Amino acid sequence: MTTTTIGVRRSVFALLFASLTFAADKKPKPKQLRTVVAGTVFRDPGFAVGGAEVELIEIRTDGKKPKPLKTVTDSRGEFAFIVPPVEARFRVKASAKGLQPEEKETASSPGVRTDVYFSLKPAAN
């Protein structure tokens, strides 16, 4: 074996070793946990309200105006919002035609599902 061949082999081995060491040092980032504000909208006497409008607004203390999130309940009256994985407070409002709107406050924590339930009363004529 010539010194050139030995030098090339050492260089290849050094590059391979360095790349394996670098790959071993890279730890996978921890998967961020989803934070969810979800719930169900009912009407008296306890029937689910499909098609109800639900609005989620973050309660901010820094003076910035929050952007509301809106959705519509499914046929079982269920809704869900995926929110940033941080501690936060929210105002949740549910409304449906012929029923009085209802509003509640709730808080979220990273990686936790927060449930909010509404029981809408018939609207006064």
PDB file of N, CA and C in Angstrom:
ATOM      1  N   MET A   1       0.836  -1.171   0.000  1.00  0.00           N
ATOM      2  CA  MET A   1       0.000   0.000   0.000  1.00  0.00           C
ATOM      3  C   MET A   1       0.884   1.239   0.000  1.00  0.00           C
ATOM      4  N   THR A   2       0.496   2.186  -0.754  1.00  0.00           N
ATOM      5  CA  THR A   2       1.289   3.404  -0.828  1.00  0.00           C
ATOM      6  C   THR A   2       0.812   4.385   0.227  1.00  0.00           C
ATOM      7  N   THR A   3       1.629   5.357   0.513  1.00  0.00           N
ATOM      8  CA  THR A   3       1.257   6.369   1.505  1.00  0.00           C
ATOM      9  C   THR A   3       0.073   7.191   1.035  1.00  0.00           C
ATOM     10  N   THR A   4      -0.094   7.342  -0.279  1.00  0.00           N
ATOM     11  CA  THR A   4      -1.247   8.081  -0.807  1.00  0.00           C
ATOM     12  C   THR A   4      -2.538   7.318  -0.527  1.00  0.00           C
ATOM     13  N   THR A   5      -2.525   6.011  -0.721  1.00  0.00           N
ATOM     14  CA  THR A   5      -3.713   5.192  -0.467  1.00  0.00           C
ATOM     15  C   THR A   5      -4.066   5.213   1.008  1.00  0.00           C
ATOM     16  N   ILE A   6      -3.067   5.113   1.863  1.00  0.00           N
ATOM     17  CA  ILE A   6      -3.316   5.143   3.312  1.00  0.00           C
ATOM     18  C   ILE A   6      -3.868   6.500   3.713  1.00  0.00           C
ATOM     19  N   GLY A   7      -3.325   7.567   3.154  1.00  0.00           N
ATOM     20  CA  GLY A   7      -3.812   8.921   3.455  1.00  0.00           C
ATOM     21  C   GLY A   7      -5.250   9.120   3.004  1.00  0.00           C
ATOM     22  N   VAL A   8      -5.606   8.593   1.835  1.00  0.00           N
ATOM     23  CA  VAL A   8      -6.983   8.703   1.331  1.00  0.00           C
ATOM     24  C   VAL A   8      -7.929   7.923   2.229  1.00  0.00           C
ATOM     25  N   ARG A   9      -7.518   6.722   2.622  1.00  0.00           N
ATOM     26  CA  ARG A   9      -8.365   5.905   3.498  1.00  0.00           C
ATOM     27  C   ARG A   9      -8.584   6.594   4.843  1.00  0.00           C
ATOM     28  N   ARG A  10      -7.525   7.178   5.385  1.00  0.00           N
ATOM     29  CA  ARG A  10      -7.660   7.889   6.667  1.00  0.00           C
ATOM     30  C   ARG A  10      -8.607   9.090   6.522  1.00  0.00           C
ATOM     31  N   SER A  11      -8.512   9.805   5.423  1.00  0.00           N
ATOM     32  CA  SER A  11      -9.380  10.966   5.191  1.00  0.00           C
ATOM     33  C   SER A  11     -10.843  10.536   5.075  1.00  0.00           C
ATOM     34  N   VAL A  12     -11.071   9.464   4.325  1.00  0.00           N
ATOM     35  CA  VAL A  12     -12.447   8.962   4.169  1.00  0.00           C
ATOM     36  C   VAL A  12     -12.987   8.500   5.514  1.00  0.00           C
ATOM     37  N   PHE A  13     -12.156   7.759   6.266  1.00  0.00           N
ATOM     38  CA  PHE A  13     -12.575   7.293   7.579  1.00  0.00           C
ATOM     39  C   PHE A  13     -12.874   8.472   8.506  1.00  0.00           C
ATOM     40  N   ALA A  14     -12.028   9.501   8.486  1.00  0.00           N
ATOM     41  CA  ALA A  14     -12.233  10.677   9.344  1.00  0.00           C
ATOM     42  C   ALA A  14     -13.531  11.391   8.990  1.00  0.00           C
ATOM     43  N   LEU A  15     -13.819  11.538   7.695  1.00  0.00           N
ATOM     44  CA  LEU A  15     -15.077  12.182   7.277  1.00  0.00           C
ATOM     45  C   LEU A  15     -16.291  11.361   7.687  1.00  0.00           C
ATOM     46  N   LEU A  16     -16.194  10.048   7.501  1.00  0.00           N
ATOM     47  CA  LEU A  16     -17.296   9.171   7.883  1.00  0.00           C
ATOM     48  C   LEU A  16     -17.535   9.228   9.381  1.00  0.00           C
ATOM     49  N   PHE A  17     -16.464   9.159  10.165  1.00  0.00           N
ATOM     50  CA  PHE A  17     -16.578   9.224  11.620  1.00  0.00           C
ATOM     51  C   PHE A  17     -17.165  10.566  12.070  1.00  0.00           C
ATOM     52  N   ALA A  18     -16.711  11.655  11.460  1.00  0.00           N
ATOM     53  CA  ALA A  18     -17.212  12.991  11.819  1.00  0.00           C
ATOM     54  C   ALA A  18     -18.697  13.116  11.505  1.00  0.00           C
ATOM     55  N   SER A  19     -19.124  12.596  10.356  1.00  0.00           N
ATOM     56  CA  SER A  19     -20.542  12.709   9.996  1.00  0.00           C
ATOM     57  C   SER A  19     -21.405  11.861  10.913  1.00  0.00           C
ATOM     58  N   LEU A  20     -20.930  10.684  11.305  1.00  0.00           N
ATOM     59  CA  LEU A  20     -21.691   9.846  12.238  1.00  0.00           C
ATOM     60  C   LEU A  20     -21.767  10.489  13.610  1.00  0.00           C
ATOM     61  N   THR A  21     -20.678  11.081  14.057  1.00  0.00           N
ATOM     62  CA  THR A  21     -20.667  11.765  15.346  1.00  0.00           C
ATOM     63  C   THR A  21     -21.619  12.958  15.330  1.00  0.00           C
ATOM     64  N   PHE A  22     -21.602  13.718  14.231  1.00  0.00           N
ATOM     65  CA  PHE A  22     -22.500  14.867  14.113  1.00  0.00           C
ATOM     66  C   PHE A  22     -23.954  14.410  14.126  1.00  0.00           C
ATOM     67  N   ALA A  23     -24.263  13.333  13.406  1.00  0.00           N
ATOM     68  CA  ALA A  23     -25.641  12.820  13.361  1.00  0.00           C
ATOM     69  C   ALA A  23     -26.077  12.329  14.730  1.00  0.00           C
ATOM     70  N   ALA A  24     -25.163  11.745  15.508  1.00  0.00           N
ATOM     71  CA  ALA A  24     -25.511  11.254  16.836  1.00  0.00           C
ATOM     72  C   ALA A  24     -25.756  12.406  17.801  1.00  0.00           C
ATOM     73  N   ASP A  25     -25.078  13.542  17.587  1.00  0.00           N
ATOM     74  CA  ASP A  25     -25.257  14.694  18.458  1.00  0.00           C
ATOM     75  C   ASP A  25     -26.591  15.394  18.232  1.00  0.00           C
ATOM     76  N   LYS A  26     -27.162  15.255  17.055  1.00  0.00           N
ATOM     77  CA  LYS A  26     -28.436  15.908  16.756  1.00  0.00           C
ATOM     78  C   LYS A  26     -29.561  15.137  17.418  1.00  0.00           C
ATOM     79  N   LYS A  27     -30.108  15.714  18.442  1.00  0.00           N
ATOM     80  CA  LYS A  27     -31.226  15.073  19.127  1.00  0.00           C
ATOM     81  C   LYS A  27     -32.514  15.528  18.467  1.00  0.00           C
ATOM     82  N   PRO A  28     -33.471  14.639  18.330  1.00  0.00           N
ATOM     83  CA  PRO A  28     -34.736  15.065  17.741  1.00  0.00           C
ATOM     84  C   PRO A  28     -35.420  16.073  18.658  1.00  0.00           C
ATOM     85  N   LYS A  29     -36.038  17.059  18.050  1.00  0.00           N
ATOM     86  CA  LYS A  29     -36.760  18.056  18.829  1.00  0.00           C
ATOM     87  C   LYS A  29     -37.970  17.396  19.464  1.00  0.00           C
ATOM     88  N   PRO A  30     -38.257  17.758  20.709  1.00  0.00           N
ATOM     89  CA  PRO A  30     -39.446  17.171  21.320  1.00  0.00           C
ATOM     90  C   PRO A  30     -40.697  17.627  20.562  1.00  0.00           C
ATOM     91  N   LYS A  31     -41.592  16.703  20.357  1.00  0.00           N
ATOM     92  CA  LYS A  31     -42.820  17.010  19.636  1.00  0.00           C
ATOM     93  C   LYS A  31     -43.663  17.949  20.498  1.00  0.00           C
ATOM     94  N   GLN A  32     -44.088  19.058  19.882  1.00  0.00           N
ATOM     95  CA  GLN A  32     -44.902  19.997  20.639  1.00  0.00           C
ATOM     96  C   GLN A  32     -46.285  19.404  20.841  1.00  0.00           C
ATOM     97  N   LEU A  33     -46.757  19.525  22.045  1.00  0.00           N
ATOM     98  CA  LEU A  33     -48.063  18.998  22.373  1.00  0.00           C
ATOM     99  C   LEU A  33     -49.139  19.935  21.876  1.00  0.00           C
ATOM    100  N   ARG A  34     -50.187  19.358  21.347  1.00  0.00           N
ATOM    101  CA  ARG A  34     -51.299  20.191  20.886  1.00  0.00           C
ATOM    102  C   ARG A  34     -52.088  20.696  22.072  1.00  0.00           C
ATOM    103  N   THR A  35     -52.512  21.920  21.958  1.00  0.00           N
ATOM    104  CA  THR A  35     -53.369  22.513  22.964  1.00  0.00           C
ATOM    105  C   THR A  35     -54.698  22.775  22.288  1.00  0.00           C
ATOM    106  N   VAL A  36     -55.769  22.276  22.895  1.00  0.00           N
ATOM    107  CA  VAL A  36     -57.082  22.315  22.264  1.00  0.00           C
ATOM    108  C   VAL A  36     -58.110  22.907  23.220  1.00  0.00           C
ATOM    109  N   VAL A  37     -58.947  23.794  22.680  1.00  0.00           N
ATOM    110  CA  VAL A  37     -60.139  24.269  23.384  1.00  0.00           C
ATOM    111  C   VAL A  37     -61.303  23.691  22.591  1.00  0.00           C
ATOM    112  N   ALA A  38     -62.085  22.826  23.226  1.00  0.00           N
ATOM    113  CA  ALA A  38     -63.160  22.123  22.531  1.00  0.00           C
ATOM    114  C   ALA A  38     -64.382  22.056  23.423  1.00  0.00           C
ATOM    115  N   GLY A  39     -65.485  21.569  22.861  1.00  0.00           N
ATOM    116  CA  GLY A  39     -66.681  21.424  23.667  1.00  0.00           C
ATOM    117  C   GLY A  39     -67.889  21.052  22.838  1.00  0.00           C
ATOM    118  N   THR A  40     -69.041  21.208  23.466  1.00  0.00           N
ATOM    119  CA  THR A  40     -70.307  20.854  22.838  1.00  0.00           C
ATOM    120  C   THR A  40     -71.340  21.921  23.162  1.00  0.00           C
ATOM    121  N   VAL A  41     -72.206  22.192  22.183  1.00  0.00           N
ATOM    122  CA  VAL A  41     -73.308  23.143  22.375  1.00  0.00           C
ATOM    123  C   VAL A  41     -74.605  22.334  22.430  1.00  0.00           C
ATOM    124  N   PHE A  42     -75.351  22.532  23.527  1.00  0.00           N
ATOM    125  CA  PHE A  42     -76.646  21.882  23.715  1.00  0.00           C
ATOM    126  C   PHE A  42     -77.730  22.938  23.772  1.00  0.00           C
ATOM    127  N   ARG A  43     -78.974  22.496  23.649  1.00  0.00           N
ATOM    128  CA  ARG A  43     -80.131  23.363  23.890  1.00  0.00           C
ATOM    129  C   ARG A  43     -81.021  22.633  24.880  1.00  0.00           C
ATOM    130  N   ASP A  44     -81.838  23.403  25.580  1.00  0.00           N
ATOM    131  CA  ASP A  44     -82.794  22.784  26.506  1.00  0.00           C
ATOM    132  C   ASP A  44     -83.722  21.877  25.721  1.00  0.00           C
ATOM    133  N   PRO A  45     -83.981  20.713  26.109  1.00  0.00           N
ATOM    134  CA  PRO A  45     -83.640  19.981  27.331  1.00  0.00           C
ATOM    135  C   PRO A  45     -82.448  19.051  27.176  1.00  0.00           C
ATOM    136  N   GLY A  46     -81.373  19.467  26.532  1.00  0.00           N
ATOM    137  CA  GLY A  46     -80.161  18.658  26.450  1.00  0.00           C
ATOM    138  C   GLY A  46     -79.854  18.075  25.087  1.00  0.00           C
ATOM    139  N   PHE A  47     -80.505  18.574  24.049  1.00  0.00           N
ATOM    140  CA  PHE A  47     -80.221  18.093  22.700  1.00  0.00           C
ATOM    141  C   PHE A  47     -79.044  18.875  22.102  1.00  0.00           C
ATOM    142  N   ALA A  48     -78.211  18.188  21.317  1.00  0.00           N
ATOM    143  CA  ALA A  48     -77.075  18.838  20.668  1.00  0.00           C
ATOM    144  C   ALA A  48     -77.553  19.822  19.606  1.00  0.00           C
ATOM    145  N   VAL A  49     -76.811  20.905  19.442  1.00  0.00           N
ATOM    146  CA  VAL A  49     -77.147  21.920  18.449  1.00  0.00           C
ATOM    147  C   VAL A  49     -76.093  21.873  17.337  1.00  0.00           C
ATOM    148  N   GLY A  50     -76.469  21.281  16.219  1.00  0.00           N
ATOM    149  CA  GLY A  50     -75.594  21.284  15.058  1.00  0.00           C
ATOM    150  C   GLY A  50     -75.713  22.620  14.335  1.00  0.00           C
ATOM    151  N   GLY A  51     -74.621  23.105  13.769  1.00  0.00           N
ATOM    152  CA  GLY A  51     -74.641  24.360  13.021  1.00  0.00           C
ATOM    153  C   GLY A  51     -74.577  25.612  13.873  1.00  0.00           C
ATOM    154  N   ALA A  52     -74.313  25.464  15.174  1.00  0.00           N
ATOM    155  CA  ALA A  52     -74.170  26.646  16.044  1.00  0.00           C
ATOM    156  C   ALA A  52     -72.827  27.318  15.739  1.00  0.00           C
ATOM    157  N   GLU A  53     -72.801  28.630  15.823  1.00  0.00           N
ATOM    158  CA  GLU A  53     -71.564  29.374  15.608  1.00  0.00           C
ATOM    159  C   GLU A  53     -70.826  29.519  16.935  1.00  0.00           C
ATOM    160  N   VAL A  54     -69.528  29.240  16.917  1.00  0.00           N
ATOM    161  CA  VAL A  54     -68.702  29.350  18.124  1.00  0.00           C
ATOM    162  C   VAL A  54     -67.521  30.248  17.794  1.00  0.00           C
ATOM    163  N   GLU A  55     -67.260  31.187  18.693  1.00  0.00           N
ATOM    164  CA  GLU A  55     -66.174  32.144  18.511  1.00  0.00           C
ATOM    165  C   GLU A  55     -65.236  32.067  19.711  1.00  0.00           C
ATOM    166  N   LEU A  56     -63.936  32.052  19.444  1.00  0.00           N
ATOM    167  CA  LEU A  56     -62.917  31.988  20.485  1.00  0.00           C
ATOM    168  C   LEU A  56     -62.062  33.239  20.384  1.00  0.00           C
ATOM    169  N   ILE A  57     -61.956  33.988  21.478  1.00  0.00           N
ATOM    170  CA  ILE A  57     -61.161  35.220  21.504  1.00  0.00           C
ATOM    171  C   ILE A  57     -60.208  35.150  22.686  1.00  0.00           C
ATOM    172  N   GLU A  58     -58.920  35.348  22.412  1.00  0.00           N
ATOM    173  CA  GLU A  58     -57.936  35.361  23.492  1.00  0.00           C
ATOM    174  C   GLU A  58     -58.103  36.633  24.315  1.00  0.00           C
ATOM    175  N   ILE A  59     -58.058  36.497  25.630  1.00  0.00           N
ATOM    176  CA  ILE A  59     -58.109  37.642  26.535  1.00  0.00           C
ATOM    177  C   ILE A  59     -56.677  38.088  26.755  1.00  0.00           C
ATOM    178  N   ARG A  60     -56.333  39.252  26.214  1.00  0.00           N
ATOM    179  CA  ARG A  60     -54.945  39.736  26.259  1.00  0.00           C
ATOM    180  C   ARG A  60     -54.808  40.864  27.266  1.00  0.00           C
ATOM    181  N   THR A  61     -53.647  40.921  27.891  1.00  0.00           N
ATOM    182  CA  THR A  61     -53.370  41.987  28.856  1.00  0.00           C
ATOM    183  C   THR A  61     -52.313  42.950  28.338  1.00  0.00           C
ATOM    184  N   ASP A  62     -51.780  42.684  27.126  1.00  0.00           N
ATOM    185  CA  ASP A  62     -50.718  43.535  26.587  1.00  0.00           C
ATOM    186  C   ASP A  62     -51.243  44.662  25.708  1.00  0.00           C
ATOM    187  N   GLY A  63     -52.557  44.804  25.619  1.00  0.00           N
ATOM    188  CA  GLY A  63     -53.142  45.880  24.828  1.00  0.00           C
ATOM    189  C   GLY A  63     -53.326  45.565  23.360  1.00  0.00           C
ATOM    190  N   LYS A  64     -52.777  44.454  22.878  1.00  0.00           N
ATOM    191  CA  LYS A  64     -52.943  44.086  21.470  1.00  0.00           C
ATOM    192  C   LYS A  64     -54.329  43.495  21.252  1.00  0.00           C
ATOM    193  N   LYS A  65     -54.890  43.826  20.087  1.00  0.00           N
ATOM    194  CA  LYS A  65     -56.221  43.326  19.765  1.00  0.00           C
ATOM    195  C   LYS A  65     -56.107  41.891  19.231  1.00  0.00           C
ATOM    196  N   PRO A  66     -56.781  40.937  19.889  1.00  0.00           N
ATOM    197  CA  PRO A  66     -56.687  39.539  19.431  1.00  0.00           C
ATOM    198  C   PRO A  66     -57.544  39.293  18.191  1.00  0.00           C
ATOM    199  N   LYS A  67     -57.113  38.326  17.395  1.00  0.00           N
ATOM    200  CA  LYS A  67     -57.882  37.927  16.229  1.00  0.00           C
ATOM    201  C   LYS A  67     -58.807  36.782  16.636  1.00  0.00           C
ATOM    202  N   PRO A  68     -60.113  36.971  16.497  1.00  0.00           N
ATOM    203  CA  PRO A  68     -61.028  35.900  16.903  1.00  0.00           C
ATOM    204  C   PRO A  68     -60.972  34.714  15.936  1.00  0.00           C
ATOM    205  N   LEU A  69     -61.153  33.523  16.484  1.00  0.00           N
ATOM    206  CA  LEU A  69     -61.264  32.310  15.685  1.00  0.00           C
ATOM    207  C   LEU A  69     -62.735  31.903  15.690  1.00  0.00           C
ATOM    208  N   LYS A  70     -63.235  31.450  14.549  1.00  0.00           N
ATOM    209  CA  LYS A  70     -64.644  31.069  14.455  1.00  0.00           C
ATOM    210  C   LYS A  70     -64.770  29.690  13.841  1.00  0.00           C
ATOM    211  N   THR A  71     -65.805  28.974  14.272  1.00  0.00           N
ATOM    212  CA  THR A  71     -66.122  27.679  13.692  1.00  0.00           C
ATOM    213  C   THR A  71     -67.620  27.424  13.848  1.00  0.00           C
ATOM    214  N   VAL A  72     -68.072  26.318  13.282  1.00  0.00           N
ATOM    215  CA  VAL A  72     -69.471  25.905  13.361  1.00  0.00           C
ATOM    216  C   VAL A  72     -69.488  24.491  13.918  1.00  0.00           C
ATOM    217  N   THR A  73     -70.428  24.213  14.820  1.00  0.00           N
ATOM    218  CA  THR A  73     -70.509  22.878  15.407  1.00  0.00           C
ATOM    219  C   THR A  73     -70.945  21.849  14.373  1.00  0.00           C
ATOM    220  N   ASP A  74     -70.503  20.613  14.595  1.00  0.00           N
ATOM    221  CA  ASP A  74     -70.915  19.525  13.711  1.00  0.00           C
ATOM    222  C   ASP A  74     -72.316  19.049  14.100  1.00  0.00           C
ATOM    223  N   SER A  75     -72.781  17.965  13.511  1.00  0.00           N
ATOM    224  CA  SER A  75     -74.153  17.489  13.763  1.00  0.00           C
ATOM    225  C   SER A  75     -74.361  17.040  15.209  1.00  0.00           C
ATOM    226  N   ARG A  76     -73.277  16.766  15.928  1.00  0.00           N
ATOM    227  CA  ARG A  76     -73.397  16.379  17.346  1.00  0.00           C
ATOM    228  C   ARG A  76     -73.198  17.570  18.279  1.00  0.00           C
ATOM    229  N   GLY A  77     -73.094  18.772  17.708  1.00  0.00           N
ATOM    230  CA  GLY A  77     -72.928  19.976  18.513  1.00  0.00           C
ATOM    231  C   GLY A  77     -71.506  20.203  18.990  1.00  0.00           C
ATOM    232  N   GLU A  78     -70.544  19.468  18.448  1.00  0.00           N
ATOM    233  CA  GLU A  78     -69.164  19.555  18.913  1.00  0.00           C
ATOM    234  C   GLU A  78     -68.333  20.546  18.097  1.00  0.00           C
ATOM    235  N   PHE A  79     -67.358  21.147  18.768  1.00  0.00           N
ATOM    236  CA  PHE A  79     -66.438  22.081  18.117  1.00  0.00           C
ATOM    237  C   PHE A  79     -65.061  21.907  18.735  1.00  0.00           C
ATOM    238  N   ALA A  80     -64.029  22.394  18.031  1.00  0.00           N
ATOM    239  CA  ALA A  80     -62.666  22.345  18.564  1.00  0.00           C
ATOM    240  C   ALA A  80     -61.810  23.419  17.903  1.00  0.00           C
ATOM    241  N   PHE A  81     -60.936  24.012  18.700  1.00  0.00           N
ATOM    242  CA  PHE A  81     -59.950  24.983  18.228  1.00  0.00           C
ATOM    243  C   PHE A  81     -58.576  24.501  18.680  1.00  0.00           C
ATOM    244  N   ILE A  82     -57.601  24.486  17.776  1.00  0.00           N
ATOM    245  CA  ILE A  82     -56.218  24.215  18.150  1.00  0.00           C
ATOM    246  C   ILE A  82     -55.565  25.570  18.372  1.00  0.00           C
ATOM    247  N   VAL A  83     -55.011  25.760  19.565  1.00  0.00           N
ATOM    248  CA  VAL A  83     -54.429  27.049  19.941  1.00  0.00           C
ATOM    249  C   VAL A  83     -52.939  26.867  20.238  1.00  0.00           C
ATOM    250  N   PRO A  84     -52.171  27.965  20.267  1.00  0.00           N
ATOM    251  CA  PRO A  84     -50.738  27.858  20.564  1.00  0.00           C
ATOM    252  C   PRO A  84     -50.503  27.186  21.924  1.00  0.00           C
ATOM    253  N   PRO A  85     -49.432  26.382  22.040  1.00  0.00           N
ATOM    254  CA  PRO A  85     -49.169  25.655  23.289  1.00  0.00           C
ATOM    255  C   PRO A  85     -48.543  26.532  24.371  1.00  0.00           C
ATOM    256  N   VAL A  86     -49.307  27.514  24.839  1.00  0.00           N
ATOM    257  CA  VAL A  86     -48.874  28.404  25.920  1.00  0.00           C
ATOM    258  C   VAL A  86     -50.049  28.619  26.867  1.00  0.00           C
ATOM    259  N   GLU A  87     -49.743  29.090  28.067  1.00  0.00           N
ATOM    260  CA  GLU A  87     -50.795  29.449  29.019  1.00  0.00           C
ATOM    261  C   GLU A  87     -51.554  30.642  28.446  1.00  0.00           C
ATOM    262  N   ALA A  88     -52.874  30.557  28.394  1.00  0.00           N
ATOM    263  CA  ALA A  88     -53.663  31.672  27.854  1.00  0.00           C
ATOM    264  C   ALA A  88     -55.081  31.605  28.407  1.00  0.00           C
ATOM    265  N   ARG A  89     -55.736  32.762  28.361  1.00  0.00           N
ATOM    266  CA  ARG A  89     -57.152  32.849  28.770  1.00  0.00           C
ATOM    267  C   ARG A  89     -57.964  33.189  27.529  1.00  0.00           C
ATOM    268  N   PHE A  90     -59.181  32.616  27.455  1.00  0.00           N
ATOM    269  CA  PHE A  90     -60.036  32.806  26.296  1.00  0.00           C
ATOM    270  C   PHE A  90     -61.467  33.091  26.703  1.00  0.00           C
ATOM    271  N   ARG A  91     -62.148  33.816  25.823  1.00  0.00           N
ATOM    272  CA  ARG A  91     -63.597  34.021  25.920  1.00  0.00           C
ATOM    273  C   ARG A  91     -64.182  33.189  24.781  1.00  0.00           C
ATOM    274  N   VAL A  92     -65.135  32.312  25.117  1.00  0.00           N
ATOM    275  CA  VAL A  92     -65.769  31.450  24.126  1.00  0.00           C
ATOM    276  C   VAL A  92     -67.243  31.808  24.087  1.00  0.00           C
ATOM    277  N   LYS A  93     -67.751  32.039  22.872  1.00  0.00           N
ATOM    278  CA  LYS A  93     -69.142  32.471  22.700  1.00  0.00           C
ATOM    279  C   LYS A  93     -69.829  31.519  21.721  1.00  0.00           C
ATOM    280  N   ALA A  94     -71.018  31.038  22.119  1.00  0.00           N
ATOM    281  CA  ALA A  94     -71.801  30.151  21.254  1.00  0.00           C
ATOM    282  C   ALA A  94     -73.146  30.808  20.964  1.00  0.00           C
ATOM    283  N   SER A  95     -73.586  30.687  19.706  1.00  0.00           N
ATOM    284  CA  SER A  95     -74.882  31.249  19.331  1.00  0.00           C
ATOM    285  C   SER A  95     -75.506  30.391  18.235  1.00  0.00           C
ATOM    286  N   ALA A  96     -76.825  30.389  18.216  1.00  0.00           N
ATOM    287  CA  ALA A  96     -77.564  29.647  17.192  1.00  0.00           C
ATOM    288  C   ALA A  96     -78.905  30.330  16.985  1.00  0.00           C
ATOM    289  N   LYS A  97     -79.447  30.190  15.800  1.00  0.00           N
ATOM    290  CA  LYS A  97     -80.715  30.819  15.459  1.00  0.00           C
ATOM    291  C   LYS A  97     -81.822  30.311  16.388  1.00  0.00           C
ATOM    292  N   GLY A  98     -82.578  31.268  16.940  1.00  0.00           N
ATOM    293  CA  GLY A  98     -83.697  30.939  17.829  1.00  0.00           C
ATOM    294  C   GLY A  98     -83.290  30.657  19.264  1.00  0.00           C
ATOM    295  N   LEU A  99     -81.992  30.801  19.579  1.00  0.00           N
ATOM    296  CA  LEU A  99     -81.509  30.539  20.931  1.00  0.00           C
ATOM    297  C   LEU A  99     -80.693  31.723  21.435  1.00  0.00           C
ATOM    298  N   GLN A 100     -80.719  31.941  22.760  1.00  0.00           N
ATOM    299  CA  GLN A 100     -79.955  33.034  23.348  1.00  0.00           C
ATOM    300  C   GLN A 100     -78.465  32.681  23.334  1.00  0.00           C
ATOM    301  N   PRO A 101     -77.614  33.598  22.875  1.00  0.00           N
ATOM    302  CA  PRO A 101     -76.174  33.314  22.893  1.00  0.00           C
ATOM    303  C   PRO A 101     -75.664  33.183  24.332  1.00  0.00           C
ATOM    304  N   GLU A 102     -74.594  32.454  24.493  1.00  0.00           N
ATOM    305  CA  GLU A 102     -73.988  32.267  25.811  1.00  0.00           C
ATOM    306  C   GLU A 102     -72.478  32.450  25.672  1.00  0.00           C
ATOM    307  N   GLU A 103     -71.866  33.023  26.692  1.00  0.00           N
ATOM    308  CA  GLU A 103     -70.429  33.304  26.675  1.00  0.00           C
ATOM    309  C   GLU A 103     -69.783  32.793  27.952  1.00  0.00           C
ATOM    310  N   LYS A 104     -68.600  32.192  27.823  1.00  0.00           N
ATOM    311  CA  LYS A 104     -67.876  31.684  28.987  1.00  0.00           C
ATOM    312  C   LYS A 104     -66.406  32.034  28.846  1.00  0.00           C
ATOM    313  N   GLU A 105     -65.693  32.040  29.974  1.00  0.00           N
ATOM    314  CA  GLU A 105     -64.248  32.233  29.975  1.00  0.00           C
ATOM    315  C   GLU A 105     -63.587  30.938  30.396  1.00  0.00           C
ATOM    316  N   THR A 106     -62.412  30.676  29.808  1.00  0.00           N
ATOM    317  CA  THR A 106     -61.657  29.475  30.138  1.00  0.00           C
ATOM    318  C   THR A 106     -60.172  29.756  29.968  1.00  0.00           C
ATOM    319  N   ALA A 107     -59.350  28.845  30.442  1.00  0.00           N
ATOM    320  CA  ALA A 107     -57.896  28.971  30.318  1.00  0.00           C
ATOM    321  C   ALA A 107     -57.345  27.717  29.656  1.00  0.00           C
ATOM    322  N   SER A 108     -56.222  27.881  28.957  1.00  0.00           N
ATOM    323  CA  SER A 108     -55.575  26.728  28.339  1.00  0.00           C
ATOM    324  C   SER A 108     -54.170  26.575  28.891  1.00  0.00           C
ATOM    325  N   SER A 109     -53.687  25.338  28.858  1.00  0.00           N
ATOM    326  CA  SER A 109     -52.321  25.003  29.266  1.00  0.00           C
ATOM    327  C   SER A 109     -51.689  24.184  28.156  1.00  0.00           C
ATOM    328  N   PRO A 110     -50.380  24.290  27.974  1.00  0.00           N
ATOM    329  CA  PRO A 110     -49.714  23.544  26.905  1.00  0.00           C
ATOM    330  C   PRO A 110     -49.984  22.037  26.988  1.00  0.00           C
ATOM    331  N   GLY A 111     -50.411  21.472  25.858  1.00  0.00           N
ATOM    332  CA  GLY A 111     -50.631  20.039  25.770  1.00  0.00           C
ATOM    333  C   GLY A 111     -51.889  19.526  26.419  1.00  0.00           C
ATOM    334  N   VAL A 112     -52.772  20.426  26.831  1.00  0.00           N
ATOM    335  CA  VAL A 112     -53.983  20.014  27.541  1.00  0.00           C
ATOM    336  C   VAL A 112     -55.218  20.366  26.719  1.00  0.00           C
ATOM    337  N   ARG A 113     -56.208  19.484  26.751  1.00  0.00           N
ATOM    338  CA  ARG A 113     -57.497  19.766  26.120  1.00  0.00           C
ATOM    339  C   ARG A 113     -58.394  20.399  27.180  1.00  0.00           C
ATOM    340  N   THR A 114     -58.949  21.548  26.846  1.00  0.00           N
ATOM    341  CA  THR A 114     -59.875  22.246  27.732  1.00  0.00           C
ATOM    342  C   THR A 114     -61.265  22.127  27.139  1.00  0.00           C
ATOM    343  N   ASP A 115     -62.218  21.633  27.915  1.00  0.00           N
ATOM    344  CA  ASP A 115     -63.586  21.454  27.429  1.00  0.00           C
ATOM    345  C   ASP A 115     -64.506  22.543  27.964  1.00  0.00           C
ATOM    346  N   VAL A 116     -65.362  23.044  27.076  1.00  0.00           N
ATOM    347  CA  VAL A 116     -66.341  24.072  27.416  1.00  0.00           C
ATOM    348  C   VAL A 116     -67.697  23.597  26.903  1.00  0.00           C
ATOM    349  N   TYR A 117     -68.691  23.585  27.772  1.00  0.00           N
ATOM    350  CA  TYR A 117     -70.030  23.125  27.382  1.00  0.00           C
ATOM    351  C   TYR A 117     -71.024  24.273  27.508  1.00  0.00           C
ATOM    352  N   PHE A 118     -71.919  24.353  26.534  1.00  0.00           N
ATOM    353  CA  PHE A 118     -72.946  25.386  26.518  1.00  0.00           C
ATOM    354  C   PHE A 118     -74.323  24.730  26.531  1.00  0.00           C
ATOM    355  N   SER A 119     -75.248  25.388  27.212  1.00  0.00           N
ATOM    356  CA  SER A 119     -76.639  24.961  27.201  1.00  0.00           C
ATOM    357  C   SER A 119     -77.470  26.209  26.877  1.00  0.00           C
ATOM    358  N   LEU A 120     -77.787  26.370  25.589  1.00  0.00           N
ATOM    359  CA  LEU A 120     -78.471  27.580  25.129  1.00  0.00           C
ATOM    360  C   LEU A 120     -79.975  27.487  25.405  1.00  0.00           C
ATOM    361  N   LYS A 121     -80.515  28.594  25.851  1.00  0.00           N
ATOM    362  CA  LYS A 121     -81.943  28.689  26.155  1.00  0.00           C
ATOM    363  C   LYS A 121     -82.672  29.270  24.953  1.00  0.00           C
ATOM    364  N   PRO A 122     -83.973  28.979  24.831  1.00  0.00           N
ATOM    365  CA  PRO A 122     -84.742  29.573  23.721  1.00  0.00           C
ATOM    366  C   PRO A 122     -84.722  31.099  23.824  1.00  0.00           C
ATOM    367  N   ALA A 123     -84.666  31.749  22.679  1.00  0.00           N
ATOM    368  CA  ALA A 123     -84.668  33.211  22.634  1.00  0.00           C
ATOM    369  C   ALA A 123     -86.040  33.736  22.999  1.00  0.00           C
ATOM    370  N   ALA A 124     -86.048  34.868  23.709  1.00  0.00           N
ATOM    371  CA  ALA A 124     -87.321  35.508  24.067  1.00  0.00           C
ATOM    372  C   ALA A 124     -87.907  36.137  22.815  1.00  0.00           C
ATOM    373  N   ASN A 125     -89.188  35.974  22.626  1.00  0.00           N
ATOM    374  CA  ASN A 125     -89.859  36.528  21.424  1.00  0.00           C
ATOM    375  C   ASN A 125     -90.152  37.959  21.587  1.00  0.00           C
TER     376      ASN A 125
END
